[in-house]
Amino acid sequence: MKSEESRVVLALRDVRKSFGAHRILDGVDLRVSRGEVVVVIGPSGSGKTTLLRCINLLAPIDHGNISVGGVTLTHVEDGLPISRVRGRELSRQRAEIGFVFQHFNLFPHLTALGNIALALRKVKGMSAREAEAYGRELLSWVGLSDKASAFPGHLSGGQQQRVAIVRSLAMKPRMMLFDEVTSALDPETIGEVLEVMQRLADDGMTMLVVTHEIGFARNVAGRVIFMDGGKIVEEGPPAAILGSPRQARTQAFLRCVLHEPSRRTHREVGS
């Protein structure tokens, strides 16, 4: 039992979040173990992006408990904060959780290498020389060694997203969160980003991935979660959830995603 607990990287208990009168997360319980790849699917508005933002403390929860590596990041009971990491500890814990967004979020005035090196200097305390050397190593790993001096505006969407991924990876996080990272890309560049994510999974990175890329979920995930209305409706191995889901709501969603060609090129932008 203790060995199982020690493998748990992320644990959520009864997490709830509302915006005004609208409940976005409604009692979410979730555990992700070291090296596990968990893919979250569901319709727009189901709470997927809010879930990731709450995990990384970008959005405060109204109720529940979130812990990473056995450390409680936030504990709230019916709107009353019991505990929450703050200050330097908050920065340190956020560095443990890499977050890659839909729209890259690169600094436009910094080069690809500059975007990576900045975090290494500010968060990891590396010297400029160390940060640039490690940044170049990471860019080479994603096939962008020749783009080190390029500014984001001169990079394709797929190239920008690969830079965003290695910028998070540079922090050597305990786990990575991916929020629809291919939704803003054209079909020709989606594959290069998914290939990087596949390599991360093969290397044993713990990953929580919100996506509509069903092929990625089928081939890479160890577990697939279907969310709707702020709840986890169904979860299990990809073959079970994607091949023979038990819940009618999951079945209806997959029929829409798998059998409407427009969903493959016009993926949801908001979650």
Protein backbone atom coordinates (compact mmCIF):
# COMPACT_ATOMS: atom_id res chain seq x y z
CA MET A 1 0.00 0.00 0.00
CA LYS A 2 2.82 2.39 0.89
CA SER A 3 4.60 1.71 -2.41
CA GLU A 4 1.40 2.53 -4.31
CA GLU A 5 1.01 5.79 -2.39
CA SER A 6 4.61 6.75 -3.09
CA ARG A 7 3.94 6.44 -6.82
CA VAL A 8 1.06 8.93 -6.74
CA VAL A 9 2.20 12.21 -8.28
CA LEU A 10 -1.13 14.04 -8.39
CA ALA A 11 -4.15 13.58 -6.13
CA LEU A 12 -7.43 15.51 -6.24
CA ARG A 13 -10.20 14.95 -3.73
CA ASP A 14 -13.73 16.33 -4.18
CA VAL A 15 -12.54 19.37 -6.11
CA ARG A 16 -15.25 21.92 -6.90
CA LYS A 17 -15.05 25.20 -8.77
CA SER A 18 -17.74 27.67 -9.80
CA PHE A 19 -17.82 30.90 -11.74
CA GLY A 20 -20.78 32.79 -10.35
CA ALA A 21 -23.74 30.42 -10.29
CA HIS A 22 -22.19 28.11 -12.87
CA ARG A 23 -20.51 25.01 -11.43
CA ILE A 24 -17.47 24.18 -13.59
CA LEU A 25 -15.97 21.36 -11.53
CA ASP A 26 -18.37 19.28 -9.50
CA GLY A 27 -16.65 16.92 -7.08
CA VAL A 28 -13.65 15.73 -9.12
CA ASP A 29 -11.58 12.89 -7.65
CA LEU A 30 -8.42 12.00 -9.56
CA ARG A 31 -5.11 10.26 -8.95
CA VAL A 32 -2.24 10.13 -11.43
CA SER A 33 0.74 7.87 -10.77
CA ARG A 34 4.36 8.38 -11.72
CA GLY A 35 4.98 7.70 -15.41
CA GLU A 36 1.27 7.52 -16.22
CA VAL A 37 -0.21 9.26 -19.27
CA VAL A 38 -3.82 10.28 -18.64
CA VAL A 39 -5.83 11.82 -21.48
CA VAL A 40 -8.93 13.88 -20.68
CA ILE A 41 -11.62 14.22 -23.36
CA GLY A 42 -15.03 15.87 -23.32
CA PRO A 43 -17.16 18.57 -24.92
CA SER A 44 -16.49 22.30 -24.72
CA GLY A 45 -17.47 23.63 -21.32
CA SER A 46 -17.03 20.31 -19.55
CA GLY A 47 -14.38 21.70 -17.19
CA LYS A 48 -11.22 20.25 -18.71
CA THR A 49 -9.18 23.44 -18.95
CA THR A 50 -10.42 24.65 -15.56
CA LEU A 51 -9.26 21.34 -14.09
CA LEU A 52 -5.71 21.94 -15.33
CA ARG A 53 -5.71 25.56 -14.18
CA CYS A 54 -6.81 24.53 -10.69
CA ILE A 55 -4.09 21.88 -10.49
CA ASN A 56 -1.45 24.51 -11.25
CA LEU A 57 -3.11 27.00 -8.87
CA LEU A 58 -3.86 29.43 -11.69
CA ALA A 59 -7.49 29.30 -10.54
CA PRO A 60 -8.49 28.91 -6.86
CA ILE A 61 -10.82 26.07 -5.99
CA ASP A 62 -13.98 26.48 -3.90
CA HIS A 63 -13.74 23.11 -2.18
CA GLY A 64 -11.49 20.08 -2.02
CA ASN A 65 -7.86 19.12 -1.82
CA ILE A 66 -5.07 19.10 -4.42
CA SER A 67 -1.67 17.59 -3.70
CA VAL A 68 1.41 16.94 -5.83
CA GLY A 69 4.07 14.50 -4.71
CA GLY A 70 2.40 14.22 -1.32
CA VAL A 71 2.52 17.99 -0.73
CA THR A 72 -0.85 19.70 -0.30
CA LEU A 73 -1.01 22.64 -2.68
CA THR A 74 -4.46 23.77 -1.62
CA HIS A 75 -7.14 22.58 0.77
CA VAL A 76 -10.48 24.38 0.89
CA GLU A 77 -13.64 23.42 2.76
CA ASP A 78 -16.82 25.05 1.44
CA GLY A 79 -15.03 28.23 0.42
CA LEU A 80 -12.88 28.50 3.57
CA PRO A 81 -9.13 28.03 2.92
CA ILE A 82 -7.58 25.47 5.26
CA SER A 83 -4.13 25.55 3.69
CA ARG A 84 -2.46 26.79 0.51
CA VAL A 85 1.15 27.13 -0.57
CA ARG A 86 2.24 30.72 -1.16
CA GLY A 87 5.21 32.88 -2.07
CA ARG A 88 8.43 31.07 -2.92
CA GLU A 89 6.88 27.69 -2.15
CA LEU A 90 4.14 28.42 -4.70
CA SER A 91 6.76 29.24 -7.35
CA ARG A 92 8.69 26.09 -6.48
CA GLN A 93 5.62 23.88 -6.68
CA ARG A 94 4.53 25.43 -9.98
CA ALA A 95 7.97 24.60 -11.38
CA GLU A 96 7.20 20.98 -10.46
CA ILE A 97 4.18 21.06 -12.80
CA GLY A 98 4.91 21.98 -16.40
CA PHE A 99 1.96 23.61 -18.16
CA VAL A 100 1.73 23.90 -21.95
CA PHE A 101 -1.14 26.08 -23.16
CA GLN A 102 -3.21 26.18 -26.35
CA HIS A 103 -1.69 29.38 -27.65
CA PHE A 104 2.05 28.96 -26.90
CA ASN A 105 2.35 32.00 -24.55
CA LEU A 106 5.92 32.68 -25.66
CA PHE A 107 7.46 36.09 -25.02
CA PRO A 108 7.41 37.74 -28.47
CA HIS A 109 10.44 39.94 -27.75
CA LEU A 110 12.67 36.96 -26.87
CA THR A 111 14.17 34.41 -29.23
CA ALA A 112 13.33 30.72 -28.96
CA LEU A 113 16.48 30.22 -26.90
CA GLY A 114 15.76 33.35 -24.87
CA ASN A 115 12.31 32.05 -23.91
CA ILE A 116 13.85 28.87 -22.53
CA ALA A 117 16.91 30.46 -20.90
CA LEU A 118 14.89 33.12 -19.07
CA ALA A 119 13.06 30.58 -16.93
CA LEU A 120 16.25 28.66 -16.27
CA ARG A 121 17.96 31.80 -14.97
CA LYS A 122 15.03 33.18 -12.98
CA VAL A 123 13.66 29.94 -11.51
CA LYS A 124 16.60 27.54 -11.52
CA GLY A 125 19.27 30.15 -10.83
CA MET A 126 21.50 29.10 -13.70
CA SER A 127 24.10 31.39 -15.14
CA ALA A 128 23.43 32.80 -18.60
CA ARG A 129 26.00 30.43 -20.10
CA GLU A 130 24.52 27.36 -18.38
CA ALA A 131 20.98 28.34 -19.32
CA GLU A 132 21.84 28.87 -22.97
CA ALA A 133 23.78 25.60 -23.19
CA TYR A 134 20.90 23.61 -21.71
CA GLY A 135 18.39 25.54 -23.84
CA ARG A 136 20.29 24.63 -26.99
CA GLU A 137 20.33 21.00 -25.91
CA LEU A 138 16.55 21.02 -25.51
CA LEU A 139 15.98 22.76 -28.83
CA SER A 140 18.10 20.11 -30.51
CA TRP A 141 15.98 17.42 -28.83
CA VAL A 142 12.86 18.76 -30.60
CA GLY A 143 14.61 19.38 -33.91
CA LEU A 144 14.88 23.15 -33.56
CA SER A 145 18.60 23.71 -33.06
CA ASP A 146 18.64 25.94 -36.15
CA LYS A 147 15.87 28.15 -34.70
CA ALA A 148 17.61 29.21 -31.49
CA SER A 149 17.92 32.83 -32.65
CA ALA A 150 14.47 33.04 -34.23
CA PHE A 151 11.73 35.13 -32.63
CA PRO A 152 8.28 33.54 -32.14
CA GLY A 153 6.78 35.63 -34.93
CA HIS A 154 9.15 33.95 -37.38
CA LEU A 155 8.28 30.42 -36.26
CA SER A 156 5.40 28.24 -37.42
CA GLY A 157 2.71 27.31 -34.93
CA GLY A 158 4.15 23.84 -34.54
CA GLN A 159 7.62 25.22 -33.94
CA GLN A 160 6.31 27.69 -31.35
CA GLN A 161 4.50 24.91 -29.53
CA ARG A 162 7.63 22.75 -29.47
CA VAL A 163 9.54 25.67 -27.94
CA ALA A 164 6.74 26.06 -25.36
CA ILE A 165 6.98 22.37 -24.50
CA VAL A 166 10.74 22.39 -23.93
CA ARG A 167 10.49 25.66 -22.00
CA SER A 168 8.30 23.79 -19.49
CA LEU A 169 10.46 20.69 -19.72
CA ALA A 170 13.55 22.77 -18.87
CA MET A 171 12.25 23.09 -15.30
CA LYS A 172 12.55 19.30 -14.96
CA PRO A 173 8.96 19.06 -13.71
CA ARG A 174 7.48 16.17 -11.80
CA MET A 175 4.62 16.09 -14.32
CA MET A 176 3.38 17.91 -17.42
CA LEU A 177 -0.07 19.35 -18.13
CA PHE A 178 -1.11 19.85 -21.76
CA ASP A 179 -4.18 21.92 -22.62
CA GLU A 180 -5.35 21.32 -26.20
CA VAL A 181 -1.84 22.04 -27.46
CA THR A 182 -2.72 21.15 -31.08
CA SER A 183 -6.02 23.04 -31.29
CA ALA A 184 -4.48 26.21 -32.73
CA LEU A 185 -2.28 24.36 -35.25
CA ASP A 186 -2.86 23.56 -38.90
CA PRO A 187 -3.07 19.85 -39.80
CA GLU A 188 0.45 19.79 -41.24
CA THR A 189 2.10 20.81 -37.96
CA ILE A 190 0.00 18.79 -35.52
CA GLY A 191 2.06 15.66 -36.08
CA GLU A 192 5.36 17.26 -35.08
CA VAL A 193 3.93 18.33 -31.72
CA LEU A 194 2.29 14.97 -31.04
CA GLU A 195 5.60 13.28 -31.86
CA VAL A 196 7.33 15.27 -29.10
CA MET A 197 4.58 14.32 -26.65
CA GLN A 198 4.93 10.68 -27.69
CA ARG A 199 8.67 10.85 -26.96
CA LEU A 200 8.00 12.36 -23.54
CA ALA A 201 5.60 9.53 -22.77
CA ASP A 202 8.14 6.95 -23.94
CA ASP A 203 10.72 8.55 -21.62
CA GLY A 204 8.39 8.05 -18.65
CA MET A 205 7.11 11.61 -18.14
CA THR A 206 3.93 11.80 -16.06
CA MET A 207 1.37 13.58 -18.25
CA LEU A 208 -2.20 14.85 -17.94
CA VAL A 209 -3.37 15.74 -21.45
CA VAL A 210 -6.56 17.52 -22.48
CA THR A 211 -7.08 16.82 -26.18
CA HIS A 212 -9.42 15.82 -28.99
CA GLU A 213 -6.64 13.87 -30.69
CA ILE A 214 -8.31 10.47 -30.33
CA GLY A 215 -5.47 8.70 -32.10
CA PHE A 216 -3.02 10.02 -29.52
CA ALA A 217 -5.34 8.94 -26.72
CA ARG A 218 -5.70 5.47 -28.20
CA ASN A 219 -1.99 4.92 -28.85
CA VAL A 220 -0.25 6.74 -25.99
CA ALA A 221 -2.58 7.04 -22.99
CA GLY A 222 -2.61 4.53 -20.20
CA ARG A 223 -6.00 5.84 -19.12
CA VAL A 224 -8.70 7.96 -20.74
CA ILE A 225 -11.10 10.13 -18.77
CA PHE A 226 -14.34 11.49 -20.21
CA MET A 227 -15.65 14.64 -18.54
CA ASP A 228 -19.01 16.35 -18.89
CA GLY A 229 -20.77 18.92 -16.73
CA GLY A 230 -17.76 19.26 -14.46
CA LYS A 231 -17.76 15.58 -13.54
CA ILE A 232 -15.72 12.55 -14.50
CA VAL A 233 -18.39 10.52 -16.23
CA GLU A 234 -16.26 7.53 -17.17
CA GLU A 235 -12.62 6.47 -17.10
CA GLY A 236 -10.55 3.45 -17.99
CA PRO A 237 -8.09 1.99 -20.50
CA PRO A 238 -8.25 3.55 -24.00
CA ALA A 239 -9.62 0.37 -25.57
CA ALA A 240 -12.55 0.36 -23.15
CA ILE A 241 -13.42 4.08 -23.17
CA LEU A 242 -12.82 4.70 -26.88
CA GLY A 243 -13.89 1.30 -28.15
CA SER A 244 -16.83 0.31 -25.97
CA PRO A 245 -17.83 3.08 -23.53
CA ARG A 246 -20.55 2.14 -21.06
CA GLN A 247 -22.11 5.57 -20.51
CA ALA A 248 -24.57 6.96 -23.06
CA ARG A 249 -23.05 10.45 -22.81
CA THR A 250 -19.58 9.12 -23.65
CA GLN A 251 -21.01 7.16 -26.57
CA ALA A 252 -22.74 10.24 -27.97
CA PHE A 253 -19.60 12.37 -27.68
CA LEU A 254 -17.40 9.82 -29.43
CA ARG A 255 -19.92 9.39 -32.24
CA CYS A 256 -19.67 13.13 -32.83
CA VAL A 257 -15.87 13.25 -32.66
CA LEU A 258 -15.17 10.12 -34.68
CA HIS A 259 -17.82 10.43 -37.37
CA GLU A 260 -17.92 14.15 -38.16
CA PRO A 261 -14.94 15.02 -40.40
CA SER A 262 -15.13 18.71 -39.44
CA ARG A 263 -14.15 17.84 -35.88
CA ARG A 264 -10.76 16.64 -37.11
CA THR A 265 -9.87 20.01 -38.59
CA HIS A 266 -11.92 22.38 -36.44
CA ARG A 267 -11.18 21.19 -32.91
CA GLU A 268 -12.66 22.95 -29.94
CA VAL A 269 -10.73 26.01 -28.81
CA GLY A 270 -12.41 26.67 -25.46
CA SER A 271 -12.87 24.17 -22.67
